[in-house]
Amino acid sequence: MAFLDWNPAYDTGVAGIDYEHRRLVKMLNEIHDLIENGVKPQKISDTLADFHTLATAHFALEEKIMQDENYPGLEGRRHTHYRLLDQVREIMDAYETGAYQPGESLPATLKEWLTEVIDIDAKLFAKINDAGLRRWGLSRT
């Protein structure tokens, strides 16, 4: 059983965005499994780095779309993104240096913010019209 199962309620209806969300969920499950199986911290840190890279690119696209669409709440959203990415970076650093404590709940933290991000994205992309999506090479499924 996965740590976080995909829920159809997470679908934004935008193929490219949903694909990235599914990849982030898959990576979260991989991170959880790595920790549960007691693999070397470097492997966990490497997987976190991949997660961080994808999340960074996803957030940048989302913020640019929000800016171009004059979507309210961009600054708050940007702040949330930076906070979340900083948390992942701090955890990566702790794994790399051996300072991360196994009792800390990394997967639970990532799961909490990932489900929050996906929920907000579903609301965001529901409000953007098809012309706005096409400008970004996106389309509804």
C-alpha atoms as a PDB file:
ATOM      1  CA  MET A   1       0.000   0.000   0.000  1.00  0.00           C
ATOM      2  CA  ALA A   2       1.298   3.450  -0.911  1.00  0.00           C
ATOM      3  CA  PHE A   3       1.989   6.071   1.728  1.00  0.00           C
ATOM      4  CA  LEU A   4      -0.142   8.490  -0.298  1.00  0.00           C
ATOM      5  CA  ASP A   5      -2.615   7.088  -2.784  1.00  0.00           C
ATOM      6  CA  TRP A   6      -3.687   9.238  -5.708  1.00  0.00           C
ATOM      7  CA  ASN A   7      -7.167  10.579  -5.175  1.00  0.00           C
ATOM      8  CA  PRO A   8      -9.228  11.654  -8.217  1.00  0.00           C
ATOM      9  CA  ALA A   9     -10.136  14.764  -6.219  1.00  0.00           C
ATOM     10  CA  TYR A  10      -6.510  15.852  -6.795  1.00  0.00           C
ATOM     11  CA  ASP A  11      -7.075  16.117 -10.551  1.00  0.00           C
ATOM     12  CA  THR A  12      -6.980  19.676 -11.845  1.00  0.00           C
ATOM     13  CA  GLY A  13      -8.227  18.660 -15.282  1.00  0.00           C
ATOM     14  CA  VAL A  14      -4.987  20.005 -16.797  1.00  0.00           C
ATOM     15  CA  ALA A  15      -2.931  17.113 -18.150  1.00  0.00           C
ATOM     16  CA  GLY A  16       0.546  18.603 -17.637  1.00  0.00           C
ATOM     17  CA  ILE A  17      -0.178  19.759 -14.110  1.00  0.00           C
ATOM     18  CA  ASP A  18      -1.794  16.462 -13.130  1.00  0.00           C
ATOM     19  CA  TYR A  19       1.207  14.596 -14.549  1.00  0.00           C
ATOM     20  CA  GLU A  20       3.585  16.611 -12.365  1.00  0.00           C
ATOM     21  CA  HIS A  21       1.374  16.142  -9.313  1.00  0.00           C
ATOM     22  CA  ARG A  22       1.349  12.389  -9.880  1.00  0.00           C
ATOM     23  CA  ARG A  23       5.143  12.387 -10.208  1.00  0.00           C
ATOM     24  CA  LEU A  24       5.458  14.281  -6.919  1.00  0.00           C
ATOM     25  CA  VAL A  25       3.145  11.783  -5.202  1.00  0.00           C
ATOM     26  CA  LYS A  26       5.160   8.886  -6.671  1.00  0.00           C
ATOM     27  CA  MET A  27       8.391  10.464  -5.404  1.00  0.00           C
ATOM     28  CA  LEU A  28       6.873  10.961  -1.955  1.00  0.00           C
ATOM     29  CA  ASN A  29       6.008   7.265  -1.883  1.00  0.00           C
ATOM     30  CA  GLU A  30       9.565   6.404  -2.970  1.00  0.00           C
ATOM     31  CA  ILE A  31      11.012   8.586  -0.202  1.00  0.00           C
ATOM     32  CA  HIS A  32       8.748   6.920   2.329  1.00  0.00           C
ATOM     33  CA  ASP A  33       9.785   3.453   1.151  1.00  0.00           C
ATOM     34  CA  LEU A  34      13.481   4.348   1.233  1.00  0.00           C
ATOM     35  CA  ILE A  35      13.179   5.550   4.815  1.00  0.00           C
ATOM     36  CA  GLU A  36      11.099   2.535   5.870  1.00  0.00           C
ATOM     37  CA  ASN A  37      13.652   0.183   4.312  1.00  0.00           C
ATOM     38  CA  GLY A  38      16.558   1.910   6.064  1.00  0.00           C
ATOM     39  CA  VAL A  39      18.556   2.702   2.944  1.00  0.00           C
ATOM     40  CA  LYS A  40      21.651   4.842   3.103  1.00  0.00           C
ATOM     41  CA  PRO A  41      20.996   8.530   3.818  1.00  0.00           C
ATOM     42  CA  GLN A  42      22.688   9.563   0.546  1.00  0.00           C
ATOM     43  CA  LYS A  43      20.062   7.692  -1.497  1.00  0.00           C
ATOM     44  CA  ILE A  44      17.303   9.433   0.466  1.00  0.00           C
ATOM     45  CA  SER A  45      19.013  12.792  -0.055  1.00  0.00           C
ATOM     46  CA  ASP A  46      19.348  12.112  -3.797  1.00  0.00           C
ATOM     47  CA  THR A  47      15.645  11.283  -4.088  1.00  0.00           C
ATOM     48  CA  LEU A  48      14.780  14.396  -2.083  1.00  0.00           C
ATOM     49  CA  ALA A  49      16.913  16.392  -4.525  1.00  0.00           C
ATOM     50  CA  ASP A  50      14.858  15.041  -7.432  1.00  0.00           C
ATOM     51  CA  PHE A  51      11.669  15.884  -5.543  1.00  0.00           C
ATOM     52  CA  HIS A  52      12.986  19.407  -4.840  1.00  0.00           C
ATOM     53  CA  THR A  53      13.920  19.920  -8.498  1.00  0.00           C
ATOM     54  CA  LEU A  54      10.506  18.905  -9.783  1.00  0.00           C
ATOM     55  CA  ALA A  55       8.677  20.932  -7.128  1.00  0.00           C
ATOM     56  CA  THR A  56      10.808  24.005  -7.915  1.00  0.00           C
ATOM     57  CA  ALA A  57       9.993  23.832 -11.631  1.00  0.00           C
ATOM     58  CA  HIS A  58       6.320  23.150 -10.934  1.00  0.00           C
ATOM     59  CA  PHE A  59       6.062  26.084  -8.535  1.00  0.00           C
ATOM     60  CA  ALA A  60       7.827  28.441 -10.955  1.00  0.00           C
ATOM     61  CA  LEU A  61       5.366  27.590 -13.740  1.00  0.00           C
ATOM     62  CA  GLU A  62       2.414  27.951 -11.416  1.00  0.00           C
ATOM     63  CA  GLU A  63       3.610  31.334 -10.138  1.00  0.00           C
ATOM     64  CA  LYS A  64       4.187  32.628 -13.667  1.00  0.00           C
ATOM     65  CA  ILE A  65       0.697  31.533 -14.707  1.00  0.00           C
ATOM     66  CA  MET A  66      -0.774  33.174 -11.608  1.00  0.00           C
ATOM     67  CA  GLN A  67       1.108  36.385 -12.402  1.00  0.00           C
ATOM     68  CA  ASP A  68       0.030  36.460 -16.045  1.00  0.00           C
ATOM     69  CA  GLU A  69      -3.582  35.681 -15.143  1.00  0.00           C
ATOM     70  CA  ASN A  70      -3.615  38.335 -12.396  1.00  0.00           C
ATOM     71  CA  TYR A  71      -4.649  35.620  -9.982  1.00  0.00           C
ATOM     72  CA  PRO A  72      -5.124  36.960  -6.442  1.00  0.00           C
ATOM     73  CA  GLY A  73      -2.900  35.657  -3.688  1.00  0.00           C
ATOM     74  CA  LEU A  74       0.291  35.263  -5.720  1.00  0.00           C
ATOM     75  CA  GLU A  75       2.566  36.686  -3.020  1.00  0.00           C
ATOM     76  CA  GLY A  76       1.115  34.427  -0.343  1.00  0.00           C
ATOM     77  CA  ARG A  77       1.407  31.446  -2.651  1.00  0.00           C
ATOM     78  CA  ARG A  78       5.002  32.322  -3.508  1.00  0.00           C
ATOM     79  CA  HIS A  79       5.819  32.596   0.192  1.00  0.00           C
ATOM     80  CA  THR A  80       4.295  29.150   0.790  1.00  0.00           C
ATOM     81  CA  HIS A  81       6.333  27.690  -2.065  1.00  0.00           C
ATOM     82  CA  TYR A  82       9.581  29.137  -0.719  1.00  0.00           C
ATOM     83  CA  ARG A  83       8.820  27.877   2.776  1.00  0.00           C
ATOM     84  CA  LEU A  84       8.101  24.376   1.522  1.00  0.00           C
ATOM     85  CA  LEU A  85      11.165  24.237  -0.709  1.00  0.00           C
ATOM     86  CA  ASP A  86      13.325  25.508   2.149  1.00  0.00           C
ATOM     87  CA  GLN A  87      12.014  22.717   4.370  1.00  0.00           C
ATOM     88  CA  VAL A  88      12.908  20.089   1.785  1.00  0.00           C
ATOM     89  CA  ARG A  89      16.361  21.637   1.332  1.00  0.00           C
ATOM     90  CA  GLU A  90      16.978  21.637   5.096  1.00  0.00           C
ATOM     91  CA  ILE A  91      15.965  17.981   5.313  1.00  0.00           C
ATOM     92  CA  MET A  92      18.226  17.122   2.353  1.00  0.00           C
ATOM     93  CA  ASP A  93      21.123  18.866   4.075  1.00  0.00           C
ATOM     94  CA  ALA A  94      20.419  16.999   7.313  1.00  0.00           C
ATOM     95  CA  TYR A  95      20.426  13.668   5.473  1.00  0.00           C
ATOM     96  CA  GLU A  96      23.674  14.536   3.708  1.00  0.00           C
ATOM     97  CA  THR A  97      25.418  15.431   6.978  1.00  0.00           C
ATOM     98  CA  GLY A  98      23.879  12.602   8.977  1.00  0.00           C
ATOM     99  CA  ALA A  99      22.085  15.048  11.276  1.00  0.00           C
ATOM    100  CA  TYR A 100      18.560  13.948  10.363  1.00  0.00           C
ATOM    101  CA  GLN A 101      16.835  12.054  13.166  1.00  0.00           C
ATOM    102  CA  PRO A 102      14.893   8.965  12.016  1.00  0.00           C
ATOM    103  CA  GLY A 103      12.097   9.745  14.477  1.00  0.00           C
ATOM    104  CA  GLU A 104      11.274  12.927  12.586  1.00  0.00           C
ATOM    105  CA  SER A 105       8.379  12.436  10.220  1.00  0.00           C
ATOM    106  CA  LEU A 106       9.679  13.491   6.836  1.00  0.00           C
ATOM    107  CA  PRO A 107       7.082  11.633   4.767  1.00  0.00           C
ATOM    108  CA  ALA A 108       4.236  12.994   6.905  1.00  0.00           C
ATOM    109  CA  THR A 109       5.530  16.555   6.469  1.00  0.00           C
ATOM    110  CA  LEU A 110       5.852  16.145   2.702  1.00  0.00           C
ATOM    111  CA  LYS A 111       2.446  14.467   2.507  1.00  0.00           C
ATOM    112  CA  GLU A 112       0.816  17.312   4.413  1.00  0.00           C
ATOM    113  CA  TRP A 113       2.165  20.053   2.219  1.00  0.00           C
ATOM    114  CA  LEU A 114       1.827  18.101  -1.026  1.00  0.00           C
ATOM    115  CA  THR A 115      -1.878  17.475  -0.470  1.00  0.00           C
ATOM    116  CA  GLU A 116      -2.304  21.159   0.438  1.00  0.00           C
ATOM    117  CA  VAL A 117      -0.511  22.269  -2.728  1.00  0.00           C
ATOM    118  CA  ILE A 118      -2.512  19.921  -4.946  1.00  0.00           C
ATOM    119  CA  ASP A 119      -5.794  21.088  -3.434  1.00  0.00           C
ATOM    120  CA  ILE A 120      -4.938  24.739  -4.026  1.00  0.00           C
ATOM    121  CA  ASP A 121      -3.800  23.963  -7.581  1.00  0.00           C
ATOM    122  CA  ALA A 122      -7.123  22.297  -8.361  1.00  0.00           C
ATOM    123  CA  LYS A 123      -8.886  25.536  -7.396  1.00  0.00           C
ATOM    124  CA  LEU A 124      -6.387  27.689  -9.285  1.00  0.00           C
ATOM    125  CA  PHE A 125      -6.555  25.802 -12.569  1.00  0.00           C
ATOM    126  CA  ALA A 126     -10.346  25.551 -12.447  1.00  0.00           C
ATOM    127  CA  LYS A 127     -10.440  29.357 -12.740  1.00  0.00           C
ATOM    128  CA  ILE A 128      -8.055  29.682 -15.686  1.00  0.00           C
ATOM    129  CA  ASN A 129      -9.726  29.611 -19.082  1.00  0.00           C
ATOM    130  CA  ASP A 130      -8.577  27.402 -21.958  1.00  0.00           C
ATOM    131  CA  ALA A 131      -6.897  30.300 -23.794  1.00  0.00           C
ATOM    132  CA  GLY A 132      -4.805  31.027 -20.712  1.00  0.00           C
ATOM    133  CA  LEU A 133      -3.787  27.383 -20.493  1.00  0.00           C
ATOM    134  CA  ARG A 134      -2.854  27.160 -24.182  1.00  0.00           C
ATOM    135  CA  ARG A 135      -0.500  30.110 -23.716  1.00  0.00           C
ATOM    136  CA  TRP A 136       1.501  27.782 -21.479  1.00  0.00           C
ATOM    137  CA  GLY A 137       1.238  24.700 -23.668  1.00  0.00           C
ATOM    138  CA  LEU A 138      -1.324  23.214 -21.306  1.00  0.00           C
ATOM    139  CA  SER A 139      -4.764  21.845 -22.036  1.00  0.00           C
ATOM    140  CA  ARG A 140      -7.660  20.305 -20.214  1.00  0.00           C
ATOM    141  CA  THR A 141      -7.952  16.539 -20.284  1.00  0.00           C
END
